[in-house]
Protein backbone atom coordinates (compact mmCIF):
# COMPACT_ATOMS: atom_id res chain seq x y z
CA GLN A 1 -14.55 -10.82 5.72
CA VAL A 2 -12.41 -7.96 5.44
CA GLN A 3 -13.43 -5.08 3.44
CA LEU A 4 -10.47 -2.53 2.35
CA GLY A 5 -11.24 0.93 0.62
CA GLU A 6 -8.61 3.16 -0.98
CA SER A 7 -8.67 7.15 -0.97
CA GLY A 8 -6.90 9.80 -1.85
CA GLY A 9 -5.62 9.33 -5.33
CA GLY A 10 -5.89 11.95 -8.24
CA LEU A 11 -3.82 14.26 -10.38
CA VAL A 12 -0.62 15.84 -9.34
CA GLN A 13 2.24 17.27 -11.50
CA ALA A 14 5.93 15.68 -10.91
CA GLY A 15 7.53 16.92 -8.00
CA GLY A 16 4.07 16.78 -5.79
CA SER A 17 2.83 14.29 -3.13
CA LEU A 18 -0.02 12.52 -2.31
CA ARG A 19 -1.42 10.19 0.43
CA LEU A 20 -3.34 7.53 0.18
CA SER A 21 -5.47 6.12 2.63
CA CYS A 22 -6.49 2.56 2.98
CA ALA A 23 -9.54 2.01 5.69
CA THR A 24 -10.40 -1.74 6.69
CA SER A 25 -13.37 -2.92 8.33
CA GLY A 26 -13.35 -5.32 11.28
CA ARG A 27 -11.73 -5.28 14.93
CA THR A 28 -8.79 -7.44 13.98
CA PHE A 29 -6.78 -4.60 11.80
CA ARG A 30 -4.17 -4.50 14.29
CA SER A 31 -2.81 -8.02 13.65
CA TYR A 32 -2.73 -8.19 9.77
CA SER A 33 0.06 -7.02 7.60
CA MET A 34 -0.76 -4.71 4.97
CA GLY A 35 0.82 -4.10 1.40
CA TRP A 36 0.20 -1.24 -1.37
CA PHE A 37 0.40 -2.12 -5.04
CA ARG A 38 -0.06 -1.05 -8.18
CA GLN A 39 -0.69 -1.38 -11.72
CA ALA A 40 -0.18 0.72 -14.79
CA PRO A 41 -1.78 0.36 -18.16
CA GLY A 42 -0.78 -2.62 -19.82
CA LYS A 43 1.83 -3.65 -17.08
CA GLU A 44 1.50 -6.56 -14.30
CA ARG A 45 0.64 -5.50 -10.95
CA GLU A 46 3.79 -4.72 -8.72
CA PHE A 47 4.79 -4.56 -5.26
CA VAL A 48 5.01 -0.99 -3.58
CA ALA A 49 5.12 -1.28 0.04
CA ALA A 50 4.15 -3.31 3.29
CA ILE A 51 3.86 -2.86 7.04
CA ARG A 52 3.78 -5.67 9.49
CA TRP A 53 1.25 -5.89 11.82
CA SER A 54 3.43 -4.69 14.36
CA GLY A 55 4.40 -1.65 12.58
CA GLY A 56 7.98 -2.37 13.66
CA SER A 57 8.93 -3.54 9.75
CA THR A 58 8.34 -1.76 6.71
CA TYR A 59 9.39 -2.86 3.26
CA TYR A 60 9.56 -0.71 -0.25
CA ALA A 61 10.16 -1.57 -3.83
CA ASP A 62 13.58 -0.15 -5.00
CA SER A 63 11.50 2.04 -7.45
CA VAL A 64 9.87 4.06 -4.42
CA LYS A 65 12.62 3.90 -1.41
CA GLY A 66 13.38 7.28 -0.14
CA ARG A 67 10.27 8.72 -1.64
CA PHE A 68 7.40 7.03 -0.53
CA THR A 69 6.65 5.96 3.48
CA ILE A 70 3.94 3.19 4.37
CA SER A 71 2.36 3.69 8.19
CA ARG A 72 -0.77 2.59 9.95
CA ASP A 73 -2.47 3.88 12.66
CA ASN A 74 -4.68 0.87 14.44
CA ALA A 75 -7.02 3.33 16.03
CA LYS A 76 -8.44 4.19 13.17
CA ASN A 77 -7.97 0.90 11.05
CA THR A 78 -6.19 2.78 8.24
CA VAL A 79 -2.85 2.26 6.39
CA TYR A 80 -1.62 4.88 4.70
CA LEU A 81 0.92 5.67 1.66
CA GLN A 82 2.53 8.92 1.77
CA MET A 83 4.26 9.62 -1.67
CA ASN A 84 6.62 12.24 -2.19
CA SER A 85 8.67 13.58 -5.20
CA LEU A 86 6.21 11.51 -7.47
CA LYS A 87 7.41 10.98 -10.83
CA PRO A 88 5.14 10.41 -14.12
CA GLU A 89 6.14 6.44 -14.19
CA ASP A 90 4.32 6.64 -10.73
CA THR A 91 1.09 6.81 -12.54
CA ALA A 92 -0.62 3.79 -12.08
CA PHE A 93 -4.07 2.16 -10.15
CA TYR A 94 -2.93 1.68 -6.53
CA TYR A 95 -4.35 -1.22 -4.21
CA CYS A 96 -4.02 -1.70 -0.76
CA ALA A 97 -3.96 -5.47 0.46
CA ALA A 98 -4.35 -7.54 3.62
CA ASP A 99 -2.64 -10.75 4.94
CA SER A 100 -4.97 -12.32 7.24
CA ARG A 101 -2.59 -14.53 8.86
CA GLN A 102 -3.14 -12.86 12.61
CA PHE A 103 0.25 -11.75 14.19
CA ASN A 104 2.21 -13.25 11.25
CA THR A 105 5.67 -13.95 12.46
CA ARG A 106 7.19 -14.01 8.98
CA ASN A 107 9.77 -11.18 8.53
CA SER A 108 10.72 -11.08 4.86
CA GLY A 109 10.52 -8.52 2.41
CA SER A 110 10.08 -11.21 -0.34
CA TYR A 111 7.40 -12.45 1.44
CA TYR A 112 5.51 -9.39 1.86
CA SER A 113 6.23 -8.46 -1.38
CA THR A 114 4.41 -11.30 -3.21
CA GLU A 115 0.59 -11.10 -4.14
CA SER A 116 -0.08 -14.41 -2.83
CA THR A 117 0.62 -13.44 0.49
CA TYR A 118 -2.48 -11.19 0.79
CA ASP A 119 -6.12 -12.43 1.17
CA TYR A 120 -7.94 -9.39 0.69
CA TRP A 121 -7.96 -6.72 -1.66
CA GLY A 122 -9.26 -3.22 -2.08
CA GLN A 123 -10.61 -1.45 -5.39
CA GLY A 124 -7.89 0.62 -5.92
CA THR A 125 -7.24 4.34 -6.54
CA GLN A 126 -6.08 5.97 -9.50
CA VAL A 127 -2.79 8.27 -9.38
CA THR A 128 -1.53 10.18 -12.15
CA VAL A 129 1.43 11.93 -12.22
CA SER A 130 1.78 14.41 -14.70
CA SER A 131 5.28 16.06 -16.63
C-alpha cells in the first residue's frame, strides 16, 4: 500500500507562486512514475503534470506548460510541483498520484495524462488564486 500526502497549497495573488509537495510512503518510490491532477469546482478532474520514475521525462498540460515544473527527490520520497505565474483559473484542488507499475517502460504523454494509469491518490490540497 502506498500513501500519498500533499502539502503546500494556499491562497496566492495572481502572478504569484506556490510549491506543492507530495510525500510518499514506502521504499519503492523511486520506481514509481508520479502525476499531479487538479479539480476545480463543478469541473472534471484534469491532468496537470507527470514525471517518469527515472525523472528523465516530464509531461505537462498545455494550460500550465512554461509556468509549472514537476520534479522529484527520491531521497526524500517526494514529488514537487512548482507553480509560477499563477492565474485565477489555476484555482482547484490539487492531487498527486502514483503509478505503481515499477520501472514502467511506457514513455507517452497520453499514457501519463490518463487518470486510470495511477493506482494511488492523495487527499489533495487546495490552491486558490485571487485576481
